[in-house]
């Protein structure tokens, strides 16, 4: 799920559609903590499809950050 800064860039670029798999409960700005891409107060709204291959995406992110922690120790 895009973060706030990525969602802002998506709006500025007027992207028509965003598709993502895993939600980000800590920093997600497309439904988790905010819904910036479908806010009627912004100058552009975007079609959003969430939850595509959710488990696979969540596992991929978990593995990535676990590996990053190992590399920095």
C-alpha atoms as a PDB file:
ATOM      1  CA  UNK A   1       0.000   0.000   0.000  1.00  0.00           C
ATOM      2  CA  UNK A   2       1.413   3.372  -0.933  1.00  0.00           C
ATOM      3  CA  UNK A   3       2.585   5.625   1.892  1.00  0.00           C
ATOM      4  CA  UNK A   4       1.491   9.247   2.200  1.00  0.00           C
ATOM      5  CA  UNK A   5       4.356  10.609   0.093  1.00  0.00           C
ATOM      6  CA  UNK A   6       3.846   7.995  -2.636  1.00  0.00           C
ATOM      7  CA  UNK A   7       0.094   8.650  -2.646  1.00  0.00           C
ATOM      8  CA  UNK A   8       0.832  12.361  -3.052  1.00  0.00           C
ATOM      9  CA  UNK A   9       3.105  11.630  -6.016  1.00  0.00           C
ATOM     10  CA  UNK A  10       0.383   9.423  -7.527  1.00  0.00           C
ATOM     11  CA  UNK A  11      -2.084  12.317  -7.253  1.00  0.00           C
ATOM     12  CA  UNK A  12       0.360  14.824  -8.739  1.00  0.00           C
ATOM     13  CA  UNK A  13       1.066  12.491 -11.665  1.00  0.00           C
ATOM     14  CA  UNK A  14      -2.699  11.927 -12.105  1.00  0.00           C
ATOM     15  CA  UNK A  15      -2.303   8.154 -12.201  1.00  0.00           C
ATOM     16  CA  UNK A  16      -5.665   6.648 -13.127  1.00  0.00           C
ATOM     17  CA  UNK A  17      -5.405   3.306 -11.329  1.00  0.00           C
ATOM     18  CA  UNK A  18      -3.356   1.799  -8.499  1.00  0.00           C
ATOM     19  CA  UNK A  19      -3.229  -1.936  -7.735  1.00  0.00           C
ATOM     20  CA  UNK A  20      -1.482  -3.277  -4.632  1.00  0.00           C
ATOM     21  CA  UNK A  21      -1.446  -6.450  -2.577  1.00  0.00           C
ATOM     22  CA  UNK A  22      -0.520  -5.814   1.040  1.00  0.00           C
ATOM     23  CA  UNK A  23      -1.955  -3.109   3.280  1.00  0.00           C
ATOM     24  CA  UNK A  24       0.342  -1.110   5.563  1.00  0.00           C
ATOM     25  CA  UNK A  25      -1.405  -0.651   8.905  1.00  0.00           C
ATOM     26  CA  UNK A  26       1.313   1.740  10.123  1.00  0.00           C
ATOM     27  CA  UNK A  27       1.780   4.077   7.160  1.00  0.00           C
ATOM     28  CA  UNK A  28      -0.712   3.188   4.427  1.00  0.00           C
ATOM     29  CA  UNK A  29      -2.400   6.200   2.841  1.00  0.00           C
ATOM     30  CA  UNK A  30      -4.776   4.322   0.551  1.00  0.00           C
ATOM     31  CA  UNK A  31      -7.218   2.928   3.071  1.00  0.00           C
ATOM     32  CA  UNK A  32      -5.314   1.908   6.198  1.00  0.00           C
ATOM     33  CA  UNK A  33      -4.679   5.183   8.053  1.00  0.00           C
ATOM     34  CA  UNK A  34      -5.939   7.539   5.343  1.00  0.00           C
ATOM     35  CA  UNK A  35      -7.563   7.325   1.933  1.00  0.00           C
ATOM     36  CA  UNK A  36      -5.804  10.034  -0.004  1.00  0.00           C
ATOM     37  CA  UNK A  37      -6.405   8.645  -3.499  1.00  0.00           C
ATOM     38  CA  UNK A  38     -10.191   8.745  -3.250  1.00  0.00           C
ATOM     39  CA  UNK A  39     -10.593  11.907  -1.195  1.00  0.00           C
ATOM     40  CA  UNK A  40     -13.097  14.280  -2.834  1.00  0.00           C
ATOM     41  CA  UNK A  41     -11.119  17.268  -1.493  1.00  0.00           C
ATOM     42  CA  UNK A  42      -8.096  16.482  -3.686  1.00  0.00           C
ATOM     43  CA  UNK A  43      -7.766  17.658  -7.282  1.00  0.00           C
ATOM     44  CA  UNK A  44      -7.699  14.094  -8.636  1.00  0.00           C
ATOM     45  CA  UNK A  45      -9.163  10.757  -7.610  1.00  0.00           C
ATOM     46  CA  UNK A  46      -7.785   7.390  -8.567  1.00  0.00           C
ATOM     47  CA  UNK A  47      -9.299   3.921  -8.960  1.00  0.00           C
ATOM     48  CA  UNK A  48      -7.812   1.591  -6.343  1.00  0.00           C
ATOM     49  CA  UNK A  49      -7.717  -2.206  -6.328  1.00  0.00           C
ATOM     50  CA  UNK A  50      -6.355  -3.658  -3.097  1.00  0.00           C
ATOM     51  CA  UNK A  51      -5.748  -7.169  -1.840  1.00  0.00           C
ATOM     52  CA  UNK A  52      -4.250  -8.758  -4.953  1.00  0.00           C
ATOM     53  CA  UNK A  53      -2.177 -11.784  -3.809  1.00  0.00           C
ATOM     54  CA  UNK A  54      -2.287 -10.404  -0.254  1.00  0.00           C
ATOM     55  CA  UNK A  55      -0.506 -13.270   1.500  1.00  0.00           C
ATOM     56  CA  UNK A  56       2.253 -13.502  -1.089  1.00  0.00           C
ATOM     57  CA  UNK A  57       2.860  -9.743  -0.991  1.00  0.00           C
ATOM     58  CA  UNK A  58       2.886  -9.619   2.820  1.00  0.00           C
ATOM     59  CA  UNK A  59       5.369 -12.514   2.938  1.00  0.00           C
ATOM     60  CA  UNK A  60       7.598 -10.844   0.357  1.00  0.00           C
ATOM     61  CA  UNK A  61       7.696  -7.627   2.397  1.00  0.00           C
ATOM     62  CA  UNK A  62       8.373  -9.516   5.636  1.00  0.00           C
ATOM     63  CA  UNK A  63      11.241 -11.445   4.051  1.00  0.00           C
ATOM     64  CA  UNK A  64      12.718  -8.270   2.576  1.00  0.00           C
ATOM     65  CA  UNK A  65      12.776  -6.410   5.891  1.00  0.00           C
ATOM     66  CA  UNK A  66      14.029  -9.467   7.795  1.00  0.00           C
ATOM     67  CA  UNK A  67      16.946  -9.668   5.354  1.00  0.00           C
ATOM     68  CA  UNK A  68      17.627  -5.935   5.728  1.00  0.00           C
ATOM     69  CA  UNK A  69      17.854  -6.354   9.507  1.00  0.00           C
ATOM     70  CA  UNK A  70      20.350  -9.226   9.093  1.00  0.00           C
ATOM     71  CA  UNK A  71      22.497  -7.137   6.724  1.00  0.00           C
ATOM     72  CA  UNK A  72      22.722  -4.201   9.129  1.00  0.00           C
ATOM     73  CA  UNK A  73      23.834  -6.246  12.141  1.00  0.00           C
END
